[in-house]
Amino acid sequence: MKYTRFEKARIIGARALQISFGAPVLVEYPETMIDPIDIAMLEYEQDLVPITVARE
């Protein structure tokens, strides 16, 4: 599914918030990567984010 830049920002932000509150990470990432936004972007790039967008 193709997302707009606004949907992408919302998805990555929501997933980063989940990760920062202790949600399990769905992708392997280096130990030096500690920023939840970077981890969420990595999940987004690999199409592993468990968040979808409902459109009318």
Protein backbone atom coordinates (compact mmCIF):
# COMPACT_ATOMS: atom_id res chain seq x y z
CA MET A 1 0.00 0.00 0.00
CA LYS A 2 1.32 3.43 -0.89
CA TYR A 3 1.14 5.92 1.98
CA THR A 4 1.23 9.71 1.82
CA ARG A 5 4.04 11.49 3.63
CA PHE A 6 1.59 12.46 6.38
CA GLU A 7 0.45 8.87 6.89
CA LYS A 8 4.06 7.71 6.92
CA ALA A 9 4.97 10.28 9.57
CA ARG A 10 1.98 9.28 11.70
CA ILE A 11 2.76 5.55 11.41
CA ILE A 12 6.43 5.97 12.29
CA GLY A 13 5.61 8.32 15.17
CA ALA A 14 2.98 5.99 16.63
CA ARG A 15 5.28 2.97 16.33
CA ALA A 16 8.19 4.88 17.90
CA LEU A 17 5.96 5.75 20.85
CA GLN A 18 5.02 2.08 21.26
CA ILE A 19 8.69 1.06 21.15
CA SER A 20 9.66 3.71 23.70
CA PHE A 21 7.02 2.32 26.08
CA GLY A 22 8.47 -1.19 25.80
CA ALA A 23 6.67 -2.83 22.89
CA PRO A 24 8.60 -5.71 21.32
CA VAL A 25 10.73 -4.73 18.34
CA LEU A 26 10.00 -6.72 15.19
CA VAL A 27 13.33 -6.25 13.44
CA GLU A 28 17.00 -6.94 14.19
CA TYR A 29 18.85 -3.67 14.80
CA PRO A 30 22.39 -2.75 15.91
CA GLU A 31 23.05 -2.24 19.61
CA THR A 32 24.21 1.30 18.92
CA MET A 33 20.78 2.26 17.57
CA ILE A 34 18.90 3.46 20.66
CA ASP A 35 16.51 6.05 19.21
CA PRO A 36 12.98 4.59 18.90
CA ILE A 37 12.31 6.72 15.81
CA ASP A 38 15.25 5.13 13.99
CA ILE A 39 14.05 1.66 14.96
CA ALA A 40 10.50 2.47 13.81
CA MET A 41 11.86 3.77 10.49
CA LEU A 42 13.82 0.54 10.07
CA GLU A 43 10.64 -1.47 10.68
CA TYR A 44 8.76 0.72 8.20
CA GLU A 45 11.39 0.23 5.51
CA GLN A 46 11.21 -3.54 5.95
CA ASP A 47 7.38 -3.42 5.89
CA LEU A 48 7.06 -4.93 9.38
CA VAL A 49 5.07 -2.18 11.14
CA PRO A 50 1.86 -3.65 12.59
CA ILE A 51 -0.12 -0.45 11.88
CA THR A 52 -2.46 0.12 8.94
CA VAL A 53 -4.41 3.09 7.57
CA ALA A 54 -8.15 2.90 7.00
CA ARG A 55 -9.33 4.97 4.05
CA GLU A 56 -12.84 5.67 2.94
